[in-house]
PDB file of N, CA and C in Angstrom:
ATOM      1  N   MET A   1     114.821 186.242  64.234  1.00  0.00           N
ATOM      2  CA  MET A   1     115.454 185.396  65.221  1.00  0.00           C
ATOM      3  C   MET A   1     115.111 183.932  65.002  1.00  0.00           C
ATOM      4  N   PHE A   2     113.864 183.588  64.855  1.00  0.00           N
ATOM      5  CA  PHE A   2     113.460 182.196  64.697  1.00  0.00           C
ATOM      6  C   PHE A   2     113.314 181.841  63.226  1.00  0.00           C
ATOM      7  N   SER A   3     113.725 180.620  62.887  1.00  0.00           N
ATOM      8  CA  SER A   3     113.537 180.134  61.525  1.00  0.00           C
ATOM      9  C   SER A   3     112.295 179.273  61.411  1.00  0.00           C
ATOM     10  N   HIS A   4     111.962 178.531  62.495  1.00  0.00           N
ATOM     11  CA  HIS A   4     110.815 177.634  62.458  1.00  0.00           C
ATOM     12  C   HIS A   4     110.509 177.120  63.861  1.00  0.00           C
ATOM     13  N   ILE A   5     109.344 176.544  63.993  1.00  0.00           N
ATOM     14  CA  ILE A   5     108.949 175.832  65.212  1.00  0.00           C
ATOM     15  C   ILE A   5     108.551 174.429  64.775  1.00  0.00           C
ATOM     16  N   THR A   6     109.029 173.415  65.494  1.00  0.00           N
ATOM     17  CA  THR A   6     108.666 172.028  65.224  1.00  0.00           C
ATOM     18  C   THR A   6     108.008 171.460  66.474  1.00  0.00           C
ATOM     19  N   ILE A   7     106.891 170.781  66.280  1.00  0.00           N
ATOM     20  CA  ILE A   7     106.218 170.115  67.391  1.00  0.00           C
ATOM     21  C   ILE A   7     105.990 168.654  67.028  1.00  0.00           C
ATOM     22  N   GLY A   8     105.812 167.832  68.038  1.00  0.00           N
ATOM     23  CA  GLY A   8     105.611 166.407  67.825  1.00  0.00           C
ATOM     24  C   GLY A   8     104.149 166.045  67.661  1.00  0.00           C
ATOM     25  N   SER A   9     103.928 164.898  67.012  1.00  0.00           N
ATOM     26  CA  SER A   9     102.586 164.360  66.807  1.00  0.00           C
ATOM     27  C   SER A   9     102.644 162.839  66.863  1.00  0.00           C
ATOM     28  N   ASN A  10     101.600 162.233  67.380  1.00  0.00           N
ATOM     29  CA  ASN A  10     101.480 160.774  67.358  1.00  0.00           C
ATOM     30  C   ASN A  10     100.624 160.296  66.190  1.00  0.00           C
ATOM     31  N   ASN A  11     100.010 161.235  65.464  1.00  0.00           N
ATOM     32  CA  ASN A  11      99.136 160.891  64.342  1.00  0.00           C
ATOM     33  C   ASN A  11      99.139 162.049  63.358  1.00  0.00           C
ATOM     34  N   LEU A  12      99.966 161.957  62.312  1.00  0.00           N
ATOM     35  CA  LEU A  12     100.093 163.065  61.365  1.00  0.00           C
ATOM     36  C   LEU A  12      98.806 163.344  60.599  1.00  0.00           C
ATOM     37  N   GLU A  13      98.028 162.311  60.288  1.00  0.00           N
ATOM     38  CA  GLU A  13      96.778 162.547  59.562  1.00  0.00           C
ATOM     39  C   GLU A  13      95.809 163.375  60.405  1.00  0.00           C
ATOM     40  N   ALA A  14      95.693 163.035  61.688  1.00  0.00           N
ATOM     41  CA  ALA A  14      94.826 163.813  62.582  1.00  0.00           C
ATOM     42  C   ALA A  14      95.361 165.235  62.747  1.00  0.00           C
ATOM     43  N   SER A  15      96.690 165.360  62.851  1.00  0.00           N
ATOM     44  CA  SER A  15      97.292 166.688  62.967  1.00  0.00           C
ATOM     45  C   SER A  15      97.024 167.510  61.710  1.00  0.00           C
ATOM     46  N   LYS A  16      97.143 166.890  60.541  1.00  0.00           N
ATOM     47  CA  LYS A  16      96.901 167.608  59.287  1.00  0.00           C
ATOM     48  C   LYS A  16      95.465 168.112  59.228  1.00  0.00           C
ATOM     49  N   ALA A  17      94.529 167.280  59.602  1.00  0.00           N
ATOM     50  CA  ALA A  17      93.127 167.705  59.581  1.00  0.00           C
ATOM     51  C   ALA A  17      92.911 168.899  60.517  1.00  0.00           C
ATOM     52  N   PHE A  18      93.469 168.821  61.715  1.00  0.00           N
ATOM     53  CA  PHE A  18      93.318 169.889  62.703  1.00  0.00           C
ATOM     54  C   PHE A  18      93.985 171.176  62.241  1.00  0.00           C
ATOM     55  N   TYR A  19      95.259 171.102  61.835  1.00  0.00           N
ATOM     56  CA  TYR A  19      95.986 172.308  61.459  1.00  0.00           C
ATOM     57  C   TYR A  19      95.540 172.875  60.115  1.00  0.00           C
ATOM     58  N   ASP A  20      95.132 172.023  59.179  1.00  0.00           N
ATOM     59  CA  ASP A  20      94.565 172.548  57.929  1.00  0.00           C
ATOM     60  C   ASP A  20      93.351 173.418  58.242  1.00  0.00           C
ATOM     61  N   ALA A  21      92.524 172.945  59.171  1.00  0.00           N
ATOM     62  CA  ALA A  21      91.309 173.689  59.522  1.00  0.00           C
ATOM     63  C   ALA A  21      91.630 174.945  60.324  1.00  0.00           C
ATOM     64  N   THR A  22      92.405 174.803  61.385  1.00  0.00           N
ATOM     65  CA  THR A  22      92.652 175.956  62.256  1.00  0.00           C
ATOM     66  C   THR A  22      93.545 176.996  61.594  1.00  0.00           C
ATOM     67  N   LEU A  23      94.614 176.561  60.945  1.00  0.00           N
ATOM     68  CA  LEU A  23      95.487 177.522  60.276  1.00  0.00           C
ATOM     69  C   LEU A  23      94.841 178.056  59.005  1.00  0.00           C
ATOM     70  N   GLY A  24      94.011 177.223  58.361  1.00  0.00           N
ATOM     71  CA  GLY A  24      93.261 177.688  57.193  1.00  0.00           C
ATOM     72  C   GLY A  24      92.362 178.864  57.537  1.00  0.00           C
ATOM     73  N   ALA A  25      91.820 178.847  58.752  1.00  0.00           N
ATOM     74  CA  ALA A  25      90.977 179.958  59.196  1.00  0.00           C
ATOM     75  C   ALA A  25      91.774 181.258  59.321  1.00  0.00           C
ATOM     76  N   LEU A  26      93.086 181.137  59.399  1.00  0.00           N
ATOM     77  CA  LEU A  26      93.958 182.313  59.489  1.00  0.00           C
ATOM     78  C   LEU A  26      94.592 182.668  58.150  1.00  0.00           C
ATOM     79  N   GLY A  27      94.183 181.979  57.091  1.00  0.00           N
ATOM     80  CA  GLY A  27      94.682 182.280  55.763  1.00  0.00           C
ATOM     81  C   GLY A  27      95.854 181.443  55.306  1.00  0.00           C
ATOM     82  N   CYS A  28      96.263 180.457  56.086  1.00  0.00           N
ATOM     83  CA  CYS A  28      97.389 179.594  55.729  1.00  0.00           C
ATOM     84  C   CYS A  28      96.914 178.485  54.793  1.00  0.00           C
ATOM     85  N   PRO A  29      97.667 178.216  53.723  1.00  0.00           N
ATOM     86  CA  PRO A  29      97.293 177.101  52.847  1.00  0.00           C
ATOM     87  C   PRO A  29      97.453 175.757  53.557  1.00  0.00           C
ATOM     88  N   PRO A  30      96.822 174.709  53.050  1.00  0.00           N
ATOM     89  CA  PRO A  30      96.948 173.387  53.666  1.00  0.00           C
ATOM     90  C   PRO A  30      98.403 172.934  53.746  1.00  0.00           C
ATOM     91  N   GLY A  31      98.685 172.124  54.747  1.00  0.00           N
ATOM     92  CA  GLY A  31     100.031 171.591  54.928  1.00  0.00           C
ATOM     93  C   GLY A  31     100.329 170.480  53.947  1.00  0.00           C
ATOM     94  N   ALA A  32     101.604 170.164  53.825  1.00  0.00           N
ATOM     95  CA  ALA A  32     102.061 169.092  52.949  1.00  0.00           C
ATOM     96  C   ALA A  32     102.896 168.114  53.760  1.00  0.00           C
ATOM     97  N   ILE A  33     102.619 166.812  53.582  1.00  0.00           N
ATOM     98  CA  ILE A  33     103.409 165.796  54.268  1.00  0.00           C
ATOM     99  C   ILE A  33     104.590 165.440  53.383  1.00  0.00           C
ATOM    100  N   ALA A  34     105.788 165.634  53.920  1.00  0.00           N
ATOM    101  CA  ALA A  34     107.025 165.356  53.185  1.00  0.00           C
ATOM    102  C   ALA A  34     107.372 163.880  53.311  1.00  0.00           C
ATOM    103  N   PRO A  35     108.224 163.364  52.407  1.00  0.00           N
ATOM    104  CA  PRO A  35     108.591 161.943  52.438  1.00  0.00           C
ATOM    105  C   PRO A  35     109.159 161.465  53.774  1.00  0.00           C
ATOM    106  N   GLN A  36     109.827 162.345  54.535  1.00  0.00           N
ATOM    107  CA  GLN A  36     110.387 161.917  55.809  1.00  0.00           C
ATOM    108  C   GLN A  36     109.356 161.938  56.944  1.00  0.00           C
ATOM    109  N   ASN A  37     108.063 161.890  56.575  1.00  0.00           N
ATOM    110  CA  ASN A  37     106.967 161.806  57.531  1.00  0.00           C
ATOM    111  C   ASN A  37     106.890 163.054  58.413  1.00  0.00           C
ATOM    112  N   ARG A  38     107.010 164.200  57.762  1.00  0.00           N
ATOM    113  CA  ARG A  38     106.882 165.486  58.442  1.00  0.00           C
ATOM    114  C   ARG A  38     105.848 166.323  57.711  1.00  0.00           C
ATOM    115  N   LEU A  39     105.104 167.070  58.475  1.00  0.00           N
ATOM    116  CA  LEU A  39     104.047 167.926  57.962  1.00  0.00           C
ATOM    117  C   LEU A  39     104.549 169.369  57.994  1.00  0.00           C
ATOM    118  N   PHE A  40     104.460 170.088  56.869  1.00  0.00           N
ATOM    119  CA  PHE A  40     104.990 171.444  56.756  1.00  0.00           C
ATOM    120  C   PHE A  40     103.883 172.444  56.454  1.00  0.00           C
ATOM    121  N   TYR A  41     103.917 173.575  57.181  1.00  0.00           N
ATOM    122  CA  TYR A  41     103.053 174.724  56.898  1.00  0.00           C
ATOM    123  C   TYR A  41     103.955 175.937  56.743  1.00  0.00           C
ATOM    124  N   THR A  42     103.709 176.722  55.695  1.00  0.00           N
ATOM    125  CA  THR A  42     104.450 177.954  55.481  1.00  0.00           C
ATOM    126  C   THR A  42     103.450 179.058  55.184  1.00  0.00           C
ATOM    127  N   HIS A  43     103.579 180.155  55.919  1.00  0.00           N
ATOM    128  CA  HIS A  43     102.652 181.271  55.710  1.00  0.00           C
ATOM    129  C   HIS A  43     103.256 182.551  56.257  1.00  0.00           C
ATOM    130  N   ASP A  44     103.178 183.613  55.479  1.00  0.00           N
ATOM    131  CA  ASP A  44     103.552 184.945  55.918  1.00  0.00           C
ATOM    132  C   ASP A  44     104.942 184.984  56.560  1.00  0.00           C
ATOM    133  N   GLY A  45     105.875 184.240  55.983  1.00  0.00           N
ATOM    134  CA  GLY A  45     107.240 184.221  56.486  1.00  0.00           C
ATOM    135  C   GLY A  45     107.485 183.264  57.630  1.00  0.00           C
ATOM    136  N   GLY A  46     106.451 182.636  58.159  1.00  0.00           N
ATOM    137  CA  GLY A  46     106.608 181.692  59.267  1.00  0.00           C
ATOM    138  C   GLY A  46     106.515 180.253  58.789  1.00  0.00           C
ATOM    139  N   ARG A  47     107.094 179.364  59.567  1.00  0.00           N
ATOM    140  CA  ARG A  47     107.070 177.943  59.206  1.00  0.00           C
ATOM    141  C   ARG A  47     106.785 177.125  60.463  1.00  0.00           C
ATOM    142  N   LEU A  48     105.817 176.222  60.348  1.00  0.00           N
ATOM    143  CA  LEU A  48     105.504 175.258  61.404  1.00  0.00           C
ATOM    144  C   LEU A  48     105.702 173.875  60.822  1.00  0.00           C
ATOM    145  N   MET A  49     106.462 173.049  61.529  1.00  0.00           N
ATOM    146  CA  MET A  49     106.660 171.664  61.109  1.00  0.00           C
ATOM    147  C   MET A  49     106.155 170.758  62.226  1.00  0.00           C
ATOM    148  N   ILE A  50     105.507 169.681  61.818  1.00  0.00           N
ATOM    149  CA  ILE A  50     104.974 168.702  62.756  1.00  0.00           C
ATOM    150  C   ILE A  50     105.536 167.350  62.351  1.00  0.00           C
ATOM    151  N   THR A  51     106.063 166.614  63.319  1.00  0.00           N
ATOM    152  CA  THR A  51     106.728 165.352  63.019  1.00  0.00           C
ATOM    153  C   THR A  51     106.438 164.313  64.091  1.00  0.00           C
ATOM    154  N   THR A  52     106.499 163.065  63.699  1.00  0.00           N
ATOM    155  CA  THR A  52     106.525 162.017  64.706  1.00  0.00           C
ATOM    156  C   THR A  52     107.940 162.012  65.281  1.00  0.00           C
ATOM    157  N   PRO A  53     108.121 161.806  66.582  1.00  0.00           N
ATOM    158  CA  PRO A  53     109.454 161.850  67.172  1.00  0.00           C
ATOM    159  C   PRO A  53     110.409 160.849  66.514  1.00  0.00           C
ATOM    160  N   LEU A  54     111.606 161.315  66.235  1.00  0.00           N
ATOM    161  CA  LEU A  54     112.606 160.490  65.560  1.00  0.00           C
ATOM    162  C   LEU A  54     113.071 159.311  66.415  1.00  0.00           C
ATOM    163  N   ASN A  55     112.918 159.426  67.741  1.00  0.00           N
ATOM    164  CA  ASN A  55     113.380 158.349  68.620  1.00  0.00           C
ATOM    165  C   ASN A  55     112.332 157.250  68.804  1.00  0.00           C
ATOM    166  N   GLY A  56     111.165 157.370  68.145  1.00  0.00           N
ATOM    167  CA  GLY A  56     110.143 156.338  68.207  1.00  0.00           C
ATOM    168  C   GLY A  56     109.276 156.364  69.456  1.00  0.00           C
ATOM    169  N   GLU A  57     109.543 157.265  70.378  1.00  0.00           N
ATOM    170  CA  GLU A  57     108.731 157.371  71.588  1.00  0.00           C
ATOM    171  C   GLU A  57     107.530 158.269  71.330  1.00  0.00           C
ATOM    172  N   GLU A  58     106.601 158.308  72.294  1.00  0.00           N
ATOM    173  CA  GLU A  58     105.412 159.135  72.171  1.00  0.00           C
ATOM    174  C   GLU A  58     105.789 160.613  72.088  1.00  0.00           C
ATOM    175  N   ALA A  59     105.060 161.357  71.271  1.00  0.00           N
ATOM    176  CA  ALA A  59     105.224 162.806  71.238  1.00  0.00           C
ATOM    177  C   ALA A  59     104.617 163.387  72.505  1.00  0.00           C
ATOM    178  N   THR A  60     105.322 164.309  73.089  1.00  0.00           N
ATOM    179  CA  THR A  60     104.842 165.051  74.260  1.00  0.00           C
ATOM    180  C   THR A  60     105.197 166.511  74.015  1.00  0.00           C
ATOM    181  N   GLY A  61     104.912 167.339  74.981  1.00  0.00           N
ATOM    182  CA  GLY A  61     105.263 168.749  74.849  1.00  0.00           C
ATOM    183  C   GLY A  61     106.749 168.964  74.672  1.00  0.00           C
ATOM    184  N   ALA A  62     107.559 168.015  75.096  1.00  0.00           N
ATOM    185  CA  ALA A  62     109.010 168.179  74.977  1.00  0.00           C
ATOM    186  C   ALA A  62     109.622 167.203  73.980  1.00  0.00           C
ATOM    187  N   ASN A  63     109.007 166.057  73.758  1.00  0.00           N
ATOM    188  CA  ASN A  63     109.569 165.067  72.838  1.00  0.00           C
ATOM    189  C   ASN A  63     109.008 165.292  71.447  1.00  0.00           C
ATOM    190  N   GLY A  64     109.876 165.596  70.511  1.00  0.00           N
ATOM    191  CA  GLY A  64     109.447 165.892  69.157  1.00  0.00           C
ATOM    192  C   GLY A  64     109.498 167.380  68.867  1.00  0.00           C
ATOM    193  N   GLY A  65     109.719 168.199  69.889  1.00  0.00           N
ATOM    194  CA  GLY A  65     109.754 169.643  69.710  1.00  0.00           C
ATOM    195  C   GLY A  65     111.149 170.171  69.468  1.00  0.00           C
ATOM    196  N   THR A  66     111.259 171.217  68.650  1.00  0.00           N
ATOM    197  CA  THR A  66     112.513 171.898  68.368  1.00  0.00           C
ATOM    198  C   THR A  66     112.240 173.381  68.238  1.00  0.00           C
ATOM    199  N   ILE A  67     113.110 174.190  68.799  1.00  0.00           N
ATOM    200  CA  ILE A  67     113.052 175.625  68.566  1.00  0.00           C
ATOM    201  C   ILE A  67     114.183 175.947  67.614  1.00  0.00           C
ATOM    202  N   GLY A  68     113.849 176.525  66.457  1.00  0.00           N
ATOM    203  CA  GLY A  68     114.831 176.824  65.428  1.00  0.00           C
ATOM    204  C   GLY A  68     115.165 178.298  65.373  1.00  0.00           C
ATOM    205  N   PHE A  69     116.454 178.594  65.268  1.00  0.00           N
ATOM    206  CA  PHE A  69     116.931 179.958  65.177  1.00  0.00           C
ATOM    207  C   PHE A  69     117.512 180.217  63.797  1.00  0.00           C
ATOM    208  N   LYS A  70     117.106 181.293  63.177  1.00  0.00           N
ATOM    209  CA  LYS A  70     117.562 181.669  61.846  1.00  0.00           C
ATOM    210  C   LYS A  70     118.991 182.203  61.920  1.00  0.00           C
ATOM    211  N   ALA A  71     119.848 181.708  61.050  1.00  0.00           N
ATOM    212  CA  ALA A  71     121.256 182.127  61.006  1.00  0.00           C
ATOM    213  C   ALA A  71     121.547 182.816  59.669  1.00  0.00           C
ATOM    214  N   PRO A  72     122.486 183.767  59.645  1.00  0.00           N
ATOM    215  CA  PRO A  72     122.784 184.472  58.403  1.00  0.00           C
ATOM    216  C   PRO A  72     123.736 183.755  57.457  1.00  0.00           C
ATOM    217  N   SER A  73     124.378 182.659  57.906  1.00  0.00           N
ATOM    218  CA  SER A  73     125.345 181.961  57.056  1.00  0.00           C
ATOM    219  C   SER A  73     125.674 180.600  57.655  1.00  0.00           C
ATOM    220  N   PRO A  74     126.253 179.688  56.852  1.00  0.00           N
ATOM    221  CA  PRO A  74     126.726 178.421  57.416  1.00  0.00           C
ATOM    222  C   PRO A  74     127.779 178.631  58.511  1.00  0.00           C
ATOM    223  N   GLU A  75     128.621 179.640  58.344  1.00  0.00           N
ATOM    224  CA  GLU A  75     129.641 179.918  59.355  1.00  0.00           C
ATOM    225  C   GLU A  75     129.015 180.322  60.687  1.00  0.00           C
ATOM    226  N   ALA A  76     127.908 181.062  60.616  1.00  0.00           N
ATOM    227  CA  ALA A  76     127.202 181.442  61.840  1.00  0.00           C
ATOM    228  C   ALA A  76     126.586 180.216  62.524  1.00  0.00           C
ATOM    229  N   VAL A  77     126.089 179.264  61.724  1.00  0.00           N
ATOM    230  CA  VAL A  77     125.558 178.017  62.294  1.00  0.00           C
ATOM    231  C   VAL A  77     126.674 177.278  63.032  1.00  0.00           C
ATOM    232  N   ASP A  78     127.833 177.176  62.399  1.00  0.00           N
ATOM    233  CA  ASP A  78     128.971 176.502  63.036  1.00  0.00           C
ATOM    234  C   ASP A  78     129.374 177.211  64.325  1.00  0.00           C
ATOM    235  N   ALA A  79     129.404 178.550  64.296  1.00  0.00           N
ATOM    236  CA  ALA A  79     129.778 179.317  65.483  1.00  0.00           C
ATOM    237  C   ALA A  79     128.753 179.131  66.599  1.00  0.00           C
ATOM    238  N   TRP A  80     127.479 179.090  66.243  1.00  0.00           N
ATOM    239  CA  TRP A  80     126.407 178.860  67.210  1.00  0.00           C
ATOM    240  C   TRP A  80     126.601 177.511  67.898  1.00  0.00           C
ATOM    241  N   HIS A  81     126.871 176.490  67.083  1.00  0.00           N
ATOM    242  CA  HIS A  81     127.055 175.137  67.611  1.00  0.00           C
ATOM    243  C   HIS A  81     128.264 175.079  68.537  1.00  0.00           C
ATOM    244  N   LYS A  82     129.370 175.644  68.118  1.00  0.00           N
ATOM    245  CA  LYS A  82     130.602 175.635  68.912  1.00  0.00           C
ATOM    246  C   LYS A  82     130.394 176.371  70.240  1.00  0.00           C
ATOM    247  N   ALA A  83     129.758 177.525  70.193  1.00  0.00           N
ATOM    248  CA  ALA A  83     129.497 178.290  71.419  1.00  0.00           C
ATOM    249  C   ALA A  83     128.567 177.528  72.358  1.00  0.00           C
ATOM    250  N   GLY A  84     127.572 176.857  71.799  1.00  0.00           N
ATOM    251  CA  GLY A  84     126.647 176.094  72.630  1.00  0.00           C
ATOM    252  C   GLY A  84     127.325 174.954  73.364  1.00  0.00           C
ATOM    253  N   VAL A  85     128.156 174.196  72.644  1.00  0.00           N
ATOM    254  CA  VAL A  85     128.881 173.088  73.270  1.00  0.00           C
ATOM    255  C   VAL A  85     129.823 173.624  74.346  1.00  0.00           C
ATOM    256  N   ALA A  86     130.439 174.767  74.076  1.00  0.00           N
ATOM    257  CA  ALA A  86     131.382 175.362  75.031  1.00  0.00           C
ATOM    258  C   ALA A  86     130.699 175.905  76.277  1.00  0.00           C
ATOM    259  N   HIS A  87     129.388 176.118  76.205  1.00  0.00           N
ATOM    260  CA  HIS A  87     128.666 176.713  77.334  1.00  0.00           C
ATOM    261  C   HIS A  87     127.597 175.791  77.901  1.00  0.00           C
ATOM    262  N   GLY A  88     127.877 174.498  77.931  1.00  0.00           N
ATOM    263  CA  GLY A  88     126.996 173.559  78.618  1.00  0.00           C
ATOM    264  C   GLY A  88     125.985 172.851  77.755  1.00  0.00           C
ATOM    265  N   GLY A  89     125.956 173.107  76.449  1.00  0.00           N
ATOM    266  CA  GLY A  89     125.043 172.411  75.560  1.00  0.00           C
ATOM    267  C   GLY A  89     125.602 171.056  75.149  1.00  0.00           C
ATOM    268  N   THR A  90     124.739 170.218  74.597  1.00  0.00           N
ATOM    269  CA  THR A  90     125.132 168.886  74.139  1.00  0.00           C
ATOM    270  C   THR A  90     124.843 168.757  72.655  1.00  0.00           C
ATOM    271  N   ALA A  91     125.863 168.396  71.872  1.00  0.00           N
ATOM    272  CA  ALA A  91     125.666 168.170  70.439  1.00  0.00           C
ATOM    273  C   ALA A  91     124.802 166.931  70.250  1.00  0.00           C
ATOM    274  N   ILE A  92     123.819 167.017  69.359  1.00  0.00           N
ATOM    275  CA  ILE A  92     122.939 165.884  69.066  1.00  0.00           C
ATOM    276  C   ILE A  92     122.777 165.748  67.560  1.00  0.00           C
ATOM    277  N   GLU A  93     122.250 164.619  67.138  1.00  0.00           N
ATOM    278  CA  GLU A  93     122.001 164.284  65.734  1.00  0.00           C
ATOM    279  C   GLU A  93     123.307 164.335  64.954  1.00  0.00           C
ATOM    280  N   ASN A  94     123.263 164.690  63.683  1.00  0.00           N
ATOM    281  CA  ASN A  94     124.451 164.737  62.834  1.00  0.00           C
ATOM    282  C   ASN A  94     125.270 165.981  63.139  1.00  0.00           C
ATOM    283  N   PRO A  95     126.554 165.985  62.781  1.00  0.00           N
ATOM    284  CA  PRO A  95     127.343 167.210  62.929  1.00  0.00           C
ATOM    285  C   PRO A  95     126.748 168.327  62.068  1.00  0.00           C
ATOM    286  N   PRO A  96     127.067 169.592  62.354  1.00  0.00           N
ATOM    287  CA  PRO A  96     126.564 170.685  61.531  1.00  0.00           C
ATOM    288  C   PRO A  96     126.896 170.447  60.057  1.00  0.00           C
ATOM    289  N   GLY A  97     125.945 170.772  59.187  1.00  0.00           N
ATOM    290  CA  GLY A  97     126.189 170.603  57.768  1.00  0.00           C
ATOM    291  C   GLY A  97     124.925 170.723  56.958  1.00  0.00           C
ATOM    292  N   PRO A  98     125.070 170.622  55.624  1.00  0.00           N
ATOM    293  CA  PRO A  98     123.913 170.753  54.738  1.00  0.00           C
ATOM    294  C   PRO A  98     123.038 169.503  54.759  1.00  0.00           C
ATOM    295  N   ARG A  99     121.743 169.720  54.615  1.00  0.00           N
ATOM    296  CA  ARG A  99     120.774 168.632  54.533  1.00  0.00           C
ATOM    297  C   ARG A  99     119.748 169.006  53.463  1.00  0.00           C
ATOM    298  N   ASP A 100     119.393 168.049  52.622  1.00  0.00           N
ATOM    299  CA  ASP A 100     118.321 168.266  51.653  1.00  0.00           C
ATOM    300  C   ASP A 100     116.991 168.091  52.353  1.00  0.00           C
ATOM    301  N   SER A 101     116.031 168.939  52.012  1.00  0.00           N
ATOM    302  CA  SER A 101     114.708 168.867  52.631  1.00  0.00           C
ATOM    303  C   SER A 101     113.652 169.202  51.591  1.00  0.00           C
ATOM    304  N   ALA A 102     112.411 169.128  51.997  1.00  0.00           N
ATOM    305  CA  ALA A 102     111.298 169.450  51.105  1.00  0.00           C
ATOM    306  C   ALA A 102     111.291 170.928  50.713  1.00  0.00           C
ATOM    307  N   ILE A 103     112.020 171.766  51.441  1.00  0.00           N
ATOM    308  CA  ILE A 103     112.031 173.205  51.155  1.00  0.00           C
ATOM    309  C   ILE A 103     113.378 173.674  50.604  1.00  0.00           C
ATOM    310  N   GLY A 104     114.232 172.748  50.181  1.00  0.00           N
ATOM    311  CA  GLY A 104     115.532 173.097  49.630  1.00  0.00           C
ATOM    312  C   GLY A 104     116.663 172.617  50.523  1.00  0.00           C
ATOM    313  N   THR A 105     117.867 173.065  50.220  1.00  0.00           N
ATOM    314  CA  THR A 105     119.023 172.660  51.004  1.00  0.00           C
ATOM    315  C   THR A 105     119.169 173.588  52.203  1.00  0.00           C
ATOM    316  N   LEU A 106     119.291 172.976  53.373  1.00  0.00           N
ATOM    317  CA  LEU A 106     119.438 173.711  54.630  1.00  0.00           C
ATOM    318  C   LEU A 106     120.783 173.373  55.242  1.00  0.00           C
ATOM    319  N   TYR A 107     121.406 174.343  55.861  1.00  0.00           N
ATOM    320  CA  TYR A 107     122.615 174.094  56.650  1.00  0.00           C
ATOM    321  C   TYR A 107     122.158 174.142  58.097  1.00  0.00           C
ATOM    322  N   LEU A 108     122.281 173.011  58.800  1.00  0.00           N
ATOM    323  CA  LEU A 108     121.692 172.851  60.129  1.00  0.00           C
ATOM    324  C   LEU A 108     122.704 172.398  61.169  1.00  0.00           C
ATOM    325  N   ALA A 109     122.408 172.724  62.410  1.00  0.00           N
ATOM    326  CA  ALA A 109     123.110 172.165  63.560  1.00  0.00           C
ATOM    327  C   ALA A 109     122.090 172.040  64.685  1.00  0.00           C
ATOM    328  N   TYR A 110     122.239 170.986  65.476  1.00  0.00           N
ATOM    329  CA  TYR A 110     121.315 170.730  66.585  1.00  0.00           C
ATOM    330  C   TYR A 110     122.071 170.621  67.898  1.00  0.00           C
ATOM    331  N   LEU A 111     121.439 171.132  68.962  1.00  0.00           N
ATOM    332  CA  LEU A 111     121.957 171.050  70.325  1.00  0.00           C
ATOM    333  C   LEU A 111     120.802 170.817  71.290  1.00  0.00           C
ATOM    334  N   ARG A 112     121.128 170.283  72.437  1.00  0.00           N
ATOM    335  CA  ARG A 112     120.226 170.357  73.588  1.00  0.00           C
ATOM    336  C   ARG A 112     120.836 171.378  74.524  1.00  0.00           C
ATOM    337  N   ASP A 113     120.005 172.268  75.042  1.00  0.00           N
ATOM    338  CA  ASP A 113     120.513 173.250  75.997  1.00  0.00           C
ATOM    339  C   ASP A 113     120.745 172.566  77.345  1.00  0.00           C
ATOM    340  N   PRO A 114     121.294 173.254  78.326  1.00  0.00           N
ATOM    341  CA  PRO A 114     121.570 172.598  79.609  1.00  0.00           C
ATOM    342  C   PRO A 114     120.337 172.002  80.293  1.00  0.00           C
ATOM    343  N   SER A 115     119.152 172.476  79.935  1.00  0.00           N
ATOM    344  CA  SER A 115     117.920 171.921  80.511  1.00  0.00           C
ATOM    345  C   SER A 115     117.325 170.808  79.667  1.00  0.00           C
ATOM    346  N   GLY A 116     117.934 170.512  78.525  1.00  0.00           N
ATOM    347  CA  GLY A 116     117.451 169.428  77.676  1.00  0.00           C
ATOM    348  C   GLY A 116     116.565 169.852  76.529  1.00  0.00           C
ATOM    349  N   ASN A 117     116.296 171.142  76.355  1.00  0.00           N
ATOM    350  CA  ASN A 117     115.480 171.604  75.229  1.00  0.00           C
ATOM    351  C   ASN A 117     116.228 171.435  73.925  1.00  0.00           C
ATOM    352  N   LYS A 118     115.545 170.949  72.902  1.00  0.00           N
ATOM    353  CA  LYS A 118     116.164 170.733  71.598  1.00  0.00           C
ATOM    354  C   LYS A 118     116.121 172.020  70.786  1.00  0.00           C
ATOM    355  N   LEU A 119     117.289 172.421  70.294  1.00  0.00           N
ATOM    356  CA  LEU A 119     117.435 173.654  69.535  1.00  0.00           C
ATOM    357  C   LEU A 119     118.110 173.375  68.202  1.00  0.00           C
ATOM    358  N   CYS A 120     117.853 174.247  67.240  1.00  0.00           N
ATOM    359  CA  CYS A 120     118.435 174.127  65.908  1.00  0.00           C
ATOM    360  C   CYS A 120     118.848 175.511  65.431  1.00  0.00           C
ATOM    361  N   ALA A 121     119.985 175.594  64.781  1.00  0.00           N
ATOM    362  CA  ALA A 121     120.354 176.794  64.028  1.00  0.00           C
ATOM    363  C   ALA A 121     120.240 176.420  62.559  1.00  0.00           C
ATOM    364  N   LEU A 122     119.674 177.312  61.756  1.00  0.00           N
ATOM    365  CA  LEU A 122     119.347 177.003  60.370  1.00  0.00           C
ATOM    366  C   LEU A 122     119.720 178.147  59.453  1.00  0.00           C
ATOM    367  N   TYR A 123     120.410 177.803  58.382  1.00  0.00           N
ATOM    368  CA  TYR A 123     120.636 178.729  57.275  1.00  0.00           C
ATOM    369  C   TYR A 123     120.063 178.079  56.018  1.00  0.00           C
ATOM    370  N   HIS A 124     119.145 178.782  55.356  1.00  0.00           N
ATOM    371  CA  HIS A 124     118.504 178.252  54.147  1.00  0.00           C
ATOM    372  C   HIS A 124     119.398 178.560  52.957  1.00  0.00           C
ATOM    373  N   MET A 125     119.958 177.496  52.342  1.00  0.00           N
ATOM    374  CA  MET A 125     120.903 177.662  51.239  1.00  0.00           C
ATOM    375  C   MET A 125     120.212 177.840  49.889  1.00  0.00           C
ATOM    376  N   GLY A 126     118.926 177.588  49.843  1.00  0.00           N
ATOM    377  CA  GLY A 126     118.193 177.770  48.587  1.00  0.00           C
ATOM    378  C   GLY A 126     117.521 176.515  48.126  1.00  0.00           C
TER     379      GLY A 126
END
């Protein structure tokens, strides 16, 4: 169901030190900071990303966070986005489409749900 969890940080270096230590204790390799100022951890099929908020405001429990849902195809991502907008969601960021990332090409779409939670549908293209 989920493709990833993203949380916000006001200090990526401090976050890296903390998560390298705590996740390392669980067998996860150290994180890597990507060029777009995001910290990535991948372990046992799970992915945690930590980022400074794109809007330049302070990271909080809600600002900088994203819940990502794994999709089986780009068409499913498009359908997810269309259904969300049709049922009270708000389209945010770029329109659905491919994006290059540190982990390969992703087909992504973003929405805010009716309560304002940031959501993403993701298909990993390779």
